[in-house]
Amino acid sequence: MTDSLRFIPLGGLCEVGMNCAALAWGDATIAIDCGVGFTDELGADMVHPNFGWLYEQGERLRAIVVTHGHEDHIGALPYFLKRFRVPVYAPPYAAALIQDRLAEHRLEDVELRVGAAGSRFKIGPFGIERFGVHHSIADATGLILDTPVGTVVHTGDFKIESEPCAGQRFDRKRLEEAARDGVRLLLSDSTGADVEGTSDLERNAETALEQWVARSPHRVVVATFSSNVFRLRAAFRIAREHGRKVCLLGMSVRKHTETASDLDLIPPVESVLVSAEEATTLPRDQVMIIAGGTQGERGSSLTRLAHEEHSYLHLSEGDTVIFSSRIIPGNELPVLDVINRFEERGIEVITRHEHPEIHASGHGSREEQRAMIRLLQPQAFVPVHGTHHHLRRHAELAREEGVTEIEILQNGSVLEVTRDSLAVVDSVPVGRVYVEGMEPLGDRVMEDRRAMASGGIVTILISIKDGKLRSSPRVLARGVVGNELRSPVEQKLADHVRSKLKGRRFTQPEKAEEAAIEAARRFLIHNHRKRPLITAVVDGGS
C-alpha cells in the first residue's frame, strides 16, 4: 500500500460550477460532490465533468460524499449513478433534493445515507465528520477527514456570519479542536477571493428586501436563488406582514418551497399561496411573485415575464422587480437583457449593482477566507472552487498567513500528499459532458453543432445505380454564404462533386458519401475558405 494520499479534482477548478473531486488512498477512493454547470451553448442545458476516471476506479470507488445541496454540487449525481452505483452520503436538505432528482430520472435502489452536521462515518481508510458552515442553503457542511497522512479539512462552500439568522450554523469550536490536533491540508472555497472585507449578512439582505417591498406601490417580483431557504422564508414573512399573497413561478422555486416546508425550515405557507391565474384577479398591491431564473436562463419564469410570454401573468408599468441575487460570472449578457426588457416597459428594477444591500452572497469574502485559514492553521493549503484568478488570490492569503506548502491545481491534477510533502505528480483525463433535457450529448454531436454554428451546413444528395453516379448531385447550403451567392455556390459545388465521383464505382453507399464529403470539403476550403458541417445522403436504388 502506498504511503501517500492523492487528491484529484475532476471539476470546479479554474471554472465556476461542476464541483467534483476525489480522494484516494491505496485501494480506496471517495468522491466529494458531483455537480453540474449551466450553459446555453449550442442548445445544451447543462454540463457535468467527464467521469471516465472515476468509472475506471471500479470497486475502489467506495462512495460519493456531498457537502450541500446546490446544483453545482449534486446536479450530476443522476448521470453518474445511471452508469455506476455507489452509496451517496448527504446532509438532510441535500438528501431531499437528491431524492427528487433520482425520481425524475427513475433511478431506484440508490443507497442514500443521511447525516447532519456533527455526524461521523467511516469509508475505507477515511474517517469523516461533517461540520456546519454558513452558506446560502440549509444544511451546508464542510468535511473533516481523518486520513493516514493526517487531517484534511474540506470547507465546502462557506461564509462566516457575525450575526447569523435562524437556522444558520457554523461549528467554530469543532474547527478549533481540529486545529489543536493539527490539520495537514486545508481545501477551501475560493469563490469570494476578489471581494475585500467580509460578506454581507443574510439578515441585512432580509431587511433591505422588506424595505423595497414596503415602498413598492404595485406588484412585486422577488427574483432570488430558489435554493436559498433563508431568503424564501424572509419573502414569505414579508408578504404576509405587508398583506400580499405569494405566487410561486418556476419548478425550482416550488420544489424548494415544498422541500423546506417538509423539513420545517419555513413555517406553513398554504394560507398565503395563490396560483398564477388567481394572482391576476387580485389588486396589484396585494401580489408578490417569487420567480426563478435570476441568471436569465432560457425558458425560466423570469425570462418569460420579461418577454411577456407567461400564460397568465403580465407585468405593467409601475410594477417592481427585485433581483435579490448576484450574476454568476458568464451570465452577464442574458441577465442584462432581462433587466433591459423590464425597464423598457416602465417596470422598476432593483439590482445588487446599484443597491448592494439587496443580496448577501453565500460565499465568504477575503477576510472570512483569512479567518478560516487562521482558525485551522493548516500545514498545507489548496484553494478550490473558482477560476484560476480566484484560486491565485486565495493562495496569496494563505501565504500572508504563513502557510508555506501551497499548490494551485487544475482539473485533472494528481496532488500527492504525505506527512511531510505536497506535490503534483501526475494528471488524469478530464473533460465536459453536455446535457440536453435529461440526455447526455456525445462529443460528435457537439462537434457537429459547433461546425454548424460557426460555418453553416452543406447537404449533398447523391443517386447511385450499380455502384456508379446516376445523375448530377444536388447540393443544399444553409448558413454558408449570403442568399445572393447561395444558388451559384450550390451549383458549382454540385458540378465539382460530380466531376470527382464520375466514373468511379462504389461498392458501399458509405464510400460514396465519404468521397462526396471530401470533395466538397476541399472545394469550399480552396475556393471560399469555408469549413461548414458537410453531410451526404446516398440513394442507392436501382
Protein backbone atom coordinates (compact mmCIF):
# COMPACT_ATOMS: atom_id res chain seq x y z
CA MET A 1 0.00 0.00 0.00
CA THR A 2 1.26 3.48 -0.92
CA ASP A 3 2.07 5.86 1.90
CA SER A 4 0.64 8.91 0.10
CA LEU A 5 -2.81 10.40 -0.20
CA ARG A 6 -3.95 11.61 -3.61
CA PHE A 7 -6.34 14.50 -4.24
CA ILE A 8 -7.70 14.68 -7.80
CA PRO A 9 -10.09 17.49 -8.82
CA LEU A 10 -12.28 16.47 -11.76
CA GLY A 11 -14.33 19.66 -11.97
CA GLY A 12 -14.76 23.03 -10.26
CA LEU A 13 -11.17 24.29 -10.57
CA CYS A 14 -10.34 27.12 -12.97
CA GLU A 15 -14.10 27.44 -13.54
CA VAL A 16 -17.31 28.18 -11.66
CA GLY A 17 -19.53 25.15 -11.01
CA MET A 18 -19.24 21.42 -11.82
CA ASN A 19 -17.63 20.70 -8.45
CA CYS A 20 -16.28 17.17 -8.13
CA ALA A 21 -13.06 15.82 -6.65
CA ALA A 22 -11.62 12.52 -5.47
CA LEU A 23 -9.51 11.43 -2.51
CA ALA A 24 -7.61 8.18 -2.90
CA TRP A 25 -5.51 6.03 -0.59
CA GLY A 26 -4.35 2.59 -1.63
CA ASP A 27 -7.33 0.69 -3.00
CA ALA A 28 -9.97 3.13 -1.67
CA THR A 29 -11.32 6.22 -3.43
CA ILE A 30 -14.13 8.58 -2.43
CA ALA A 31 -15.64 11.38 -4.50
CA ILE A 32 -16.55 14.69 -2.91
CA ASP A 33 -19.57 16.31 -4.61
CA CYS A 34 -20.90 15.62 -8.09
CA GLY A 35 -22.15 18.84 -9.65
CA VAL A 36 -23.22 20.47 -12.89
CA GLY A 37 -22.67 23.80 -14.55
CA PHE A 38 -25.34 25.59 -16.54
CA THR A 39 -24.93 26.60 -20.16
CA ASP A 40 -26.90 27.56 -23.25
CA GLU A 41 -24.04 26.56 -25.54
CA LEU A 42 -25.37 25.08 -28.77
CA GLY A 43 -28.70 24.12 -27.23
CA ALA A 44 -27.31 22.25 -24.22
CA ASP A 45 -28.95 22.90 -20.85
CA MET A 46 -26.13 21.91 -18.54
CA VAL A 47 -22.69 20.37 -18.41
CA HIS A 48 -21.02 17.99 -15.98
CA PRO A 49 -17.49 16.63 -15.58
CA ASN A 50 -16.35 13.66 -17.59
CA PHE A 51 -16.46 10.83 -15.04
CA GLY A 52 -14.33 8.42 -17.05
CA TRP A 53 -11.53 8.29 -14.49
CA LEU A 54 -13.97 7.67 -11.64
CA TYR A 55 -15.63 4.85 -13.58
CA GLU A 56 -12.22 3.27 -14.10
CA GLN A 57 -11.78 3.03 -10.33
CA GLY A 58 -14.36 0.25 -10.28
CA GLU A 59 -14.70 -1.31 -6.85
CA ARG A 60 -12.05 1.04 -5.48
CA LEU A 61 -14.64 3.83 -5.61
CA ARG A 62 -16.44 3.43 -2.29
CA ALA A 63 -18.85 6.40 -2.11
CA ILE A 64 -19.78 9.95 -3.10
CA VAL A 65 -19.81 12.39 -0.18
CA VAL A 66 -21.93 15.51 -0.74
CA THR A 67 -21.23 18.74 1.14
CA HIS A 68 -24.53 20.54 0.41
CA GLY A 69 -27.47 20.66 -1.95
CA HIS A 70 -26.63 23.24 -4.60
CA GLU A 71 -26.85 22.00 -8.19
CA ASP A 72 -23.16 22.62 -8.80
CA HIS A 73 -22.54 20.00 -6.08
CA ILE A 74 -25.36 17.44 -6.61
CA GLY A 75 -26.80 18.02 -10.09
CA ALA A 76 -24.70 15.39 -11.88
CA LEU A 77 -25.49 12.55 -9.48
CA PRO A 78 -28.26 11.02 -11.64
CA TYR A 79 -25.98 10.92 -14.68
CA PHE A 80 -23.18 9.30 -12.69
CA LEU A 81 -25.44 6.81 -10.91
CA LYS A 82 -27.09 5.64 -14.12
CA ARG A 83 -23.80 4.01 -15.02
CA PHE A 84 -22.16 3.26 -11.68
CA ARG A 85 -23.79 2.69 -8.29
CA VAL A 86 -22.11 3.66 -5.04
CA PRO A 87 -23.55 4.89 -1.72
CA VAL A 88 -24.20 8.62 -1.52
CA TYR A 89 -23.68 10.42 1.79
CA ALA A 90 -25.52 13.74 2.14
CA PRO A 91 -26.86 16.19 4.75
CA PRO A 92 -30.68 16.27 5.18
CA TYR A 93 -31.65 19.11 2.85
CA ALA A 94 -29.33 17.91 0.11
CA ALA A 95 -30.64 14.35 0.55
CA ALA A 96 -34.23 15.52 -0.01
CA LEU A 97 -33.21 17.29 -3.20
CA ILE A 98 -31.20 14.28 -4.37
CA GLN A 99 -34.21 12.01 -3.88
CA ASP A 100 -36.24 14.29 -6.14
CA ARG A 101 -33.53 14.25 -8.83
CA LEU A 102 -33.30 10.48 -8.71
CA ALA A 103 -37.09 10.16 -9.01
CA GLU A 104 -37.07 12.44 -12.08
CA HIS A 105 -34.56 10.09 -13.69
CA ARG A 106 -36.43 6.98 -12.48
CA LEU A 107 -33.44 5.78 -10.54
CA GLU A 108 -34.34 3.38 -7.76
CA ASP A 109 -32.41 1.47 -5.10
CA VAL A 110 -29.74 4.14 -4.69
CA GLU A 111 -28.18 3.87 -1.25
CA LEU A 112 -28.59 7.34 0.26
CA ARG A 113 -27.11 7.81 3.73
CA VAL A 114 -28.24 10.97 5.52
CA GLY A 115 -26.21 12.75 8.19
CA ALA A 116 -26.42 16.28 9.57
CA ALA A 117 -23.55 18.48 10.77
CA GLY A 118 -21.82 16.71 13.65
CA SER A 119 -22.39 13.23 12.23
CA ARG A 120 -19.45 10.88 11.75
CA PHE A 121 -18.94 7.92 9.46
CA LYS A 122 -16.12 5.79 8.06
CA ILE A 123 -15.44 4.84 4.46
CA GLY A 124 -12.46 2.56 4.00
CA PRO A 125 -9.40 4.27 5.50
CA PHE A 126 -11.22 7.62 5.78
CA GLY A 127 -12.91 8.76 8.97
CA ILE A 128 -15.28 11.60 8.01
CA GLU A 129 -17.08 14.15 10.17
CA ARG A 130 -19.42 16.87 8.96
CA PHE A 131 -19.23 20.38 10.40
CA GLY A 132 -21.77 23.13 9.86
CA VAL A 133 -20.95 26.23 7.79
CA HIS A 134 -22.91 29.32 6.88
CA HIS A 135 -23.97 29.33 3.25
CA SER A 136 -26.95 30.28 1.10
CA ILE A 137 -28.64 26.90 1.50
CA ALA A 138 -29.81 24.91 4.50
CA ASP A 139 -27.64 22.13 5.99
CA ALA A 140 -24.42 23.26 4.32
CA THR A 141 -21.44 21.34 5.67
CA GLY A 142 -17.70 21.03 5.40
CA LEU A 143 -15.77 17.81 5.98
CA ILE A 144 -13.08 16.86 8.49
CA LEU A 145 -11.34 13.82 7.04
CA ASP A 146 -9.12 11.62 9.16
CA THR A 147 -6.63 10.14 6.67
CA PRO A 148 -3.45 8.05 7.08
CA VAL A 149 -1.32 11.17 6.44
CA GLY A 150 -3.21 13.41 8.85
CA THR A 151 -6.34 15.54 8.97
CA VAL A 152 -7.69 17.03 5.75
CA VAL A 153 -10.38 19.71 6.02
CA HIS A 154 -12.66 20.47 3.05
CA THR A 155 -14.67 23.63 3.78
CA GLY A 156 -17.34 23.10 1.14
CA ASP A 157 -18.90 26.43 0.14
CA PHE A 158 -18.87 28.73 3.18
CA LYS A 159 -19.08 32.15 4.72
CA ILE A 160 -18.80 33.24 8.35
CA GLU A 161 -21.73 35.38 9.52
CA SER A 162 -21.19 37.56 12.60
CA GLU A 163 -24.95 37.66 13.24
CA PRO A 164 -26.42 34.50 11.71
CA CYS A 165 -30.14 34.24 11.20
CA ALA A 166 -32.26 31.36 12.47
CA GLY A 167 -31.17 28.01 11.05
CA GLN A 168 -27.62 29.01 10.17
CA ARG A 169 -24.84 27.05 11.86
CA PHE A 170 -21.08 27.42 11.98
CA ASP A 171 -19.17 24.88 14.09
CA ARG A 172 -16.30 27.11 15.17
CA LYS A 173 -15.45 25.12 18.31
CA ARG A 174 -15.13 21.90 16.38
CA LEU A 175 -12.74 23.56 13.93
CA GLU A 176 -10.70 24.94 16.82
CA GLU A 177 -10.40 21.39 18.16
CA ALA A 178 -9.26 20.16 14.75
CA ALA A 179 -6.63 22.91 14.66
CA ARG A 180 -5.27 21.91 18.06
CA ASP A 181 -4.90 18.32 16.85
CA GLY A 182 -3.20 19.53 13.67
CA VAL A 183 -4.51 20.00 10.11
CA ARG A 184 -2.29 18.54 7.39
CA LEU A 185 -4.19 20.06 4.44
CA LEU A 186 -6.95 22.65 4.01
CA LEU A 187 -9.07 22.63 0.83
CA SER A 188 -11.00 25.89 0.90
CA ASP A 189 -13.73 27.65 -1.12
CA SER A 190 -12.21 30.45 -3.24
CA THR A 191 -15.29 31.98 -4.86
CA GLY A 192 -15.17 35.26 -2.90
CA ALA A 193 -11.41 35.79 -3.16
CA ASP A 194 -11.80 39.06 -5.08
CA VAL A 195 -14.15 40.70 -2.57
CA GLU A 196 -12.45 42.73 0.13
CA GLY A 197 -13.63 42.72 3.73
CA THR A 198 -16.44 40.44 4.84
CA SER A 199 -19.57 39.38 3.02
CA ASP A 200 -22.94 40.98 3.72
CA LEU A 201 -25.19 39.40 6.32
CA GLU A 202 -28.25 37.39 5.34
CA ARG A 203 -30.34 39.25 7.92
CA ASN A 204 -29.35 42.59 6.31
CA ALA A 205 -30.48 41.36 2.91
CA GLU A 206 -33.81 40.42 4.51
CA THR A 207 -34.15 43.92 5.95
CA ALA A 208 -33.39 45.56 2.60
CA LEU A 209 -35.85 43.26 0.82
CA GLU A 210 -38.60 44.26 3.24
CA GLN A 211 -37.88 47.95 2.73
CA TRP A 212 -38.20 47.65 -1.04
CA VAL A 213 -41.39 45.61 -0.84
CA ALA A 214 -42.90 48.15 1.58
CA ARG A 215 -42.23 51.07 -0.77
CA SER A 216 -43.38 49.31 -3.95
CA PRO A 217 -46.86 50.53 -4.96
CA HIS A 218 -47.94 47.66 -7.21
CA ARG A 219 -46.92 44.08 -7.98
CA VAL A 220 -43.54 42.96 -6.67
CA VAL A 221 -41.44 40.24 -8.24
CA VAL A 222 -38.72 38.82 -5.99
CA ALA A 223 -36.13 37.09 -8.13
CA THR A 224 -33.84 35.01 -5.96
CA PHE A 225 -31.92 31.75 -5.91
CA SER A 226 -34.64 29.23 -5.13
CA SER A 227 -32.27 27.14 -3.02
CA ASN A 228 -31.81 29.98 -0.52
CA VAL A 229 -34.33 28.83 2.06
CA PHE A 230 -33.47 31.74 4.35
CA ARG A 231 -34.41 34.26 1.62
CA LEU A 232 -37.55 32.31 0.71
CA ARG A 233 -38.58 32.26 4.36
CA ALA A 234 -38.00 36.01 4.59
CA ALA A 235 -40.03 36.67 1.43
CA PHE A 236 -43.00 34.72 2.77
CA ARG A 237 -42.85 36.56 6.09
CA ILE A 238 -42.63 39.94 4.37
CA ALA A 239 -45.54 39.12 2.08
CA ARG A 240 -47.70 38.03 4.98
CA GLU A 241 -46.92 41.10 7.09
CA HIS A 242 -47.50 43.50 4.18
CA GLY A 243 -50.79 42.00 3.07
CA ARG A 244 -49.60 40.31 -0.09
CA LYS A 245 -50.38 36.87 -1.47
CA VAL A 246 -47.50 34.89 -2.93
CA CYS A 247 -47.40 33.35 -6.39
CA LEU A 248 -44.54 30.92 -6.99
CA LEU A 249 -43.26 30.85 -10.56
CA GLY A 250 -40.89 28.13 -11.65
CA MET A 251 -40.47 24.45 -10.89
CA SER A 252 -37.34 25.02 -8.81
CA VAL A 253 -38.96 27.67 -6.60
CA ARG A 254 -41.95 25.42 -5.97
CA LYS A 255 -39.78 22.39 -5.27
CA HIS A 256 -37.52 24.18 -2.79
CA THR A 257 -40.53 25.68 -1.01
CA GLU A 258 -42.09 22.23 -0.73
CA THR A 259 -38.86 20.64 0.49
CA ALA A 260 -38.18 23.39 3.03
CA SER A 261 -41.75 23.09 4.34
CA ASP A 262 -41.46 19.32 4.67
CA LEU A 263 -38.27 19.74 6.72
CA ASP A 264 -39.85 22.51 8.87
CA LEU A 265 -37.30 25.04 7.65
CA ILE A 266 -40.05 27.54 6.83
CA PRO A 267 -43.47 27.92 8.53
CA PRO A 268 -46.63 26.69 6.75
CA VAL A 269 -47.30 28.79 3.65
CA GLU A 270 -50.55 27.38 2.27
CA SER A 271 -52.66 30.30 3.52
CA VAL A 272 -50.63 32.87 1.61
CA LEU A 273 -50.11 30.98 -1.67
CA VAL A 274 -52.11 31.68 -4.84
CA SER A 275 -51.84 30.32 -8.36
CA ALA A 276 -50.73 32.45 -11.30
CA GLU A 277 -54.31 32.55 -12.55
CA GLU A 278 -55.60 33.66 -9.13
CA ALA A 279 -52.92 36.35 -8.89
CA THR A 280 -54.35 38.07 -11.97
CA THR A 281 -57.64 38.67 -10.12
CA LEU A 282 -56.06 40.37 -7.09
CA PRO A 283 -55.29 44.09 -6.72
CA ARG A 284 -51.74 44.74 -7.91
CA ASP A 285 -50.58 45.93 -4.48
CA GLN A 286 -51.61 42.61 -2.93
CA VAL A 287 -49.39 40.35 -5.01
CA MET A 288 -45.82 39.16 -4.54
CA ILE A 289 -44.34 36.90 -7.20
CA ILE A 290 -41.32 34.77 -6.27
CA ALA A 291 -39.65 33.76 -9.51
CA GLY A 292 -36.72 31.62 -10.53
CA GLY A 293 -34.38 32.46 -13.38
CA THR A 294 -32.06 35.03 -11.84
CA GLN A 295 -29.35 34.16 -14.40
CA GLY A 296 -31.53 34.86 -17.45
CA GLU A 297 -31.94 31.16 -18.24
CA ARG A 298 -33.85 30.27 -21.40
CA GLY A 299 -37.44 29.36 -20.61
CA SER A 300 -37.23 30.41 -16.95
CA SER A 301 -40.16 32.15 -15.32
CA LEU A 302 -38.35 35.47 -15.04
CA THR A 303 -37.28 35.39 -18.69
CA ARG A 304 -40.85 34.61 -19.77
CA LEU A 305 -42.13 37.55 -17.72
CA ALA A 306 -39.51 39.80 -19.32
CA HIS A 307 -40.52 38.63 -22.81
CA GLU A 308 -44.25 38.88 -21.96
CA GLU A 309 -44.65 35.19 -22.72
CA HIS A 310 -46.24 33.95 -19.49
CA SER A 311 -49.66 32.33 -19.95
CA TYR A 312 -51.35 34.35 -17.19
CA LEU A 313 -49.11 36.95 -15.58
CA HIS A 314 -48.11 40.17 -17.29
CA LEU A 315 -46.25 42.96 -15.54
CA SER A 316 -47.25 46.57 -16.05
CA GLU A 317 -45.68 49.98 -15.74
CA GLY A 318 -45.12 50.77 -12.06
CA ASP A 319 -44.56 47.17 -11.00
CA THR A 320 -41.24 46.31 -9.33
CA VAL A 321 -38.75 43.51 -9.99
CA ILE A 322 -36.20 42.94 -7.21
CA PHE A 323 -33.11 40.90 -8.09
CA SER A 324 -32.21 39.60 -4.64
CA SER A 325 -29.34 37.70 -6.23
CA ARG A 326 -25.99 38.11 -7.94
CA ILE A 327 -24.90 37.49 -11.50
CA ILE A 328 -22.78 34.36 -11.74
CA PRO A 329 -19.74 35.11 -13.95
CA GLY A 330 -20.54 34.29 -17.57
CA ASN A 331 -24.25 35.12 -17.31
CA GLU A 332 -23.97 38.89 -17.64
CA LEU A 333 -25.49 39.25 -21.11
CA PRO A 334 -28.71 37.23 -20.60
CA VAL A 335 -29.33 38.88 -17.22
CA LEU A 336 -28.84 42.38 -18.65
CA ASP A 337 -31.23 41.50 -21.48
CA VAL A 338 -33.91 40.55 -18.94
CA ILE A 339 -33.33 43.76 -16.97
CA ASN A 340 -33.50 45.91 -20.11
CA ARG A 341 -36.75 44.33 -21.25
CA PHE A 342 -38.38 45.12 -17.91
CA GLU A 343 -37.10 48.69 -17.80
CA GLU A 344 -38.22 49.41 -21.37
CA ARG A 345 -41.79 48.80 -20.17
CA GLY A 346 -41.56 51.20 -17.23
CA ILE A 347 -41.03 48.48 -14.63
CA GLU A 348 -38.69 49.44 -11.79
CA VAL A 349 -35.77 47.02 -11.45
CA ILE A 350 -33.75 46.80 -8.25
CA THR A 351 -30.37 45.09 -8.61
CA ARG A 352 -27.34 44.43 -6.49
CA HIS A 353 -25.27 46.65 -8.77
CA GLU A 354 -26.99 49.83 -7.58
CA HIS A 355 -28.32 48.50 -4.27
CA PRO A 356 -25.74 46.02 -2.91
CA GLU A 357 -27.69 45.58 0.32
CA ILE A 358 -30.42 43.65 -1.51
CA HIS A 359 -28.36 40.44 -1.69
CA ALA A 360 -25.94 38.63 0.59
CA SER A 361 -23.56 36.17 -1.05
CA GLY A 362 -23.28 32.66 0.30
CA HIS A 363 -19.52 32.76 -0.19
CA GLY A 364 -17.10 34.33 2.24
CA SER A 365 -15.07 37.35 1.22
CA ARG A 366 -11.32 37.72 1.75
CA GLU A 367 -11.42 38.34 5.48
CA GLU A 368 -13.63 35.29 6.05
CA GLN A 369 -11.27 33.20 3.94
CA ARG A 370 -8.41 34.57 6.01
CA ALA A 371 -10.32 33.77 9.21
CA MET A 372 -10.77 30.15 8.11
CA ILE A 373 -7.02 29.82 7.48
CA ARG A 374 -6.22 31.36 10.86
CA LEU A 375 -8.82 29.18 12.55
CA LEU A 376 -7.42 25.90 11.20
CA GLN A 377 -3.71 26.80 10.92
CA PRO A 378 -3.05 24.17 8.23
CA GLN A 379 0.38 22.90 7.28
CA ALA A 380 -0.64 22.89 3.60
CA PHE A 381 -3.23 24.74 1.58
CA VAL A 382 -5.01 24.14 -1.74
CA PRO A 383 -7.64 26.63 -2.93
CA VAL A 384 -10.68 25.03 -4.61
CA HIS A 385 -13.95 26.15 -6.23
CA GLY A 386 -13.26 29.05 -8.57
CA THR A 387 -11.46 30.36 -11.62
CA HIS A 388 -7.67 30.37 -11.74
CA HIS A 389 -7.80 34.04 -10.74
CA HIS A 390 -9.84 33.19 -7.63
CA LEU A 391 -7.50 30.33 -6.74
CA ARG A 392 -4.42 32.51 -7.12
CA ARG A 393 -5.89 35.31 -5.00
CA HIS A 394 -6.87 32.83 -2.30
CA ALA A 395 -3.39 31.31 -2.32
CA GLU A 396 -1.98 34.80 -1.69
CA LEU A 397 -3.98 34.94 1.54
CA ALA A 398 -2.55 31.64 2.70
CA ARG A 399 0.99 32.87 2.05
CA GLU A 400 0.26 36.04 4.02
CA GLU A 401 -0.85 33.83 6.91
CA GLY A 402 2.43 31.92 6.89
CA VAL A 403 1.42 28.74 5.06
CA THR A 404 4.41 27.57 3.03
CA GLU A 405 3.06 24.40 1.35
CA ILE A 406 0.62 25.69 -1.28
CA GLU A 407 -0.46 24.27 -4.62
CA ILE A 408 -2.78 25.78 -7.24
CA LEU A 409 -4.29 22.91 -9.20
CA GLN A 410 -6.18 22.37 -12.41
CA ASN A 411 -8.87 19.81 -13.10
CA GLY A 412 -7.10 16.50 -13.63
CA SER A 413 -4.07 17.31 -11.46
CA VAL A 414 -2.98 14.49 -9.18
CA LEU A 415 -1.79 16.01 -5.91
CA GLU A 416 0.26 13.64 -3.76
CA VAL A 417 0.15 14.36 -0.02
CA THR A 418 2.43 12.71 2.51
CA ARG A 419 3.05 13.65 6.12
CA ASP A 420 5.87 15.97 5.06
CA SER A 421 5.43 16.77 1.36
CA LEU A 422 2.93 18.12 -1.14
CA ALA A 423 3.42 17.87 -4.91
CA VAL A 424 1.61 17.45 -8.23
CA VAL A 425 2.89 14.12 -9.56
CA ASP A 426 0.59 13.24 -12.44
CA SER A 427 -2.64 14.06 -14.24
CA VAL A 428 -5.76 12.16 -15.27
CA PRO A 429 -8.06 12.75 -18.27
CA VAL A 430 -10.86 15.27 -17.64
CA GLY A 431 -13.45 16.96 -19.81
CA ARG A 432 -17.04 18.07 -20.11
CA VAL A 433 -20.23 16.21 -20.92
CA TYR A 434 -23.07 18.35 -22.27
CA VAL A 435 -26.67 17.51 -21.41
CA GLU A 436 -29.89 18.43 -23.22
CA GLY A 437 -33.09 17.62 -21.40
CA MET A 438 -32.03 14.56 -19.45
CA GLU A 439 -29.81 13.03 -22.11
CA PRO A 440 -26.04 13.46 -22.49
CA LEU A 441 -24.88 14.80 -25.85
CA GLY A 442 -21.92 12.90 -27.27
CA ASP A 443 -18.71 14.54 -28.40
CA ARG A 444 -19.65 14.02 -32.05
CA VAL A 445 -22.99 15.78 -31.58
CA MET A 446 -21.29 18.80 -30.02
CA GLU A 447 -18.63 18.84 -32.75
CA ASP A 448 -21.37 18.84 -35.41
CA ARG A 449 -23.27 21.61 -33.63
CA ARG A 450 -20.12 23.73 -33.35
CA ALA A 451 -19.42 23.24 -37.05
CA MET A 452 -22.97 24.22 -37.99
CA ALA A 453 -22.94 27.23 -35.65
CA SER A 454 -19.63 28.55 -36.97
CA GLY A 455 -19.77 27.58 -40.65
CA GLY A 456 -23.29 26.51 -41.61
CA ILE A 457 -24.27 23.20 -43.17
CA VAL A 458 -23.99 21.67 -46.62
CA THR A 459 -26.02 18.61 -47.61
CA ILE A 460 -25.17 16.62 -50.75
CA LEU A 461 -27.82 14.35 -52.24
CA ILE A 462 -26.37 11.60 -54.45
CA SER A 463 -28.07 9.00 -56.61
CA ILE A 464 -26.16 5.76 -57.29
CA LYS A 465 -27.06 2.92 -59.65
CA ASP A 466 -24.97 -0.24 -59.93
CA GLY A 467 -22.31 1.48 -57.83
CA LYS A 468 -21.96 4.45 -60.20
CA LEU A 469 -23.19 8.02 -60.14
CA ARG A 470 -26.56 8.10 -61.88
CA SER A 471 -27.04 11.87 -62.16
CA SER A 472 -25.53 15.11 -61.04
CA PRO A 473 -25.63 15.53 -57.24
CA ARG A 474 -27.95 18.05 -55.64
CA VAL A 475 -26.45 20.41 -53.06
CA LEU A 476 -28.23 22.39 -50.34
CA ALA A 477 -26.24 25.00 -48.43
CA ARG A 478 -27.57 26.90 -45.42
CA GLY A 479 -25.70 29.49 -43.38
CA VAL A 480 -22.59 29.20 -45.58
CA VAL A 481 -22.82 32.20 -47.94
CA GLY A 482 -25.29 35.03 -48.47
CA ASN A 483 -28.58 34.39 -50.24
CA GLU A 484 -27.40 36.10 -53.43
CA LEU A 485 -24.47 33.65 -53.72
CA ARG A 486 -26.15 30.52 -52.47
CA SER A 487 -27.53 29.17 -55.77
CA PRO A 488 -24.30 29.72 -57.74
CA VAL A 489 -22.20 28.15 -55.00
CA GLU A 490 -24.56 25.18 -54.73
CA GLN A 491 -24.37 24.62 -58.50
CA LYS A 492 -20.57 24.93 -58.65
CA LEU A 493 -20.21 22.58 -55.71
CA ALA A 494 -22.57 20.06 -57.31
CA ASP A 495 -20.57 20.20 -60.56
CA HIS A 496 -17.29 19.74 -58.64
CA VAL A 497 -18.56 16.72 -56.69
CA ARG A 498 -19.92 15.22 -59.92
CA SER A 499 -16.54 15.59 -61.62
CA LYS A 500 -14.76 13.90 -58.71
CA LEU A 501 -17.21 10.98 -58.46
CA LYS A 502 -17.94 10.45 -62.17
CA GLY A 503 -16.57 7.18 -63.46
CA ARG A 504 -15.85 5.73 -60.02
CA ARG A 505 -17.57 2.57 -58.79
CA PHE A 506 -18.65 2.39 -55.13
CA THR A 507 -19.33 -0.99 -53.56
CA GLN A 508 -20.92 0.62 -50.49
CA PRO A 509 -23.06 3.78 -50.14
CA GLU A 510 -20.84 4.92 -47.23
CA LYS A 511 -17.84 5.08 -49.58
CA ALA A 512 -19.73 7.38 -51.95
CA GLU A 513 -20.73 9.59 -49.00
CA GLU A 514 -17.13 9.85 -47.82
CA ALA A 515 -15.88 10.70 -51.32
CA ALA A 516 -18.54 13.40 -51.79
CA ILE A 517 -17.84 14.97 -48.40
CA GLU A 518 -14.10 15.05 -49.01
CA ALA A 519 -14.53 16.58 -52.47
CA ALA A 520 -16.89 19.25 -51.11
CA ARG A 521 -14.61 19.99 -48.16
CA ARG A 522 -11.58 20.63 -50.39
CA PHE A 523 -13.62 22.76 -52.80
CA LEU A 524 -15.05 25.00 -50.07
CA ILE A 525 -11.71 25.49 -48.31
CA HIS A 526 -9.81 26.23 -51.53
CA ASN A 527 -12.38 28.49 -53.19
CA HIS A 528 -14.24 30.08 -50.28
CA ARG A 529 -12.18 29.40 -47.14
CA LYS A 530 -15.30 27.89 -45.57
CA ARG A 531 -15.46 24.95 -43.16
CA PRO A 532 -19.17 24.10 -42.71
CA LEU A 533 -20.57 20.83 -41.50
CA ILE A 534 -20.91 18.66 -44.62
CA THR A 535 -23.24 15.68 -44.84
CA ALA A 536 -24.06 13.38 -47.75
CA VAL A 537 -27.08 11.18 -48.39
CA VAL A 538 -26.90 8.40 -50.98
CA ASP A 539 -29.89 6.96 -52.80
CA GLY A 540 -28.66 3.53 -53.85
CA GLY A 541 -31.85 2.37 -55.50
CA SER A 542 -31.81 0.65 -58.90
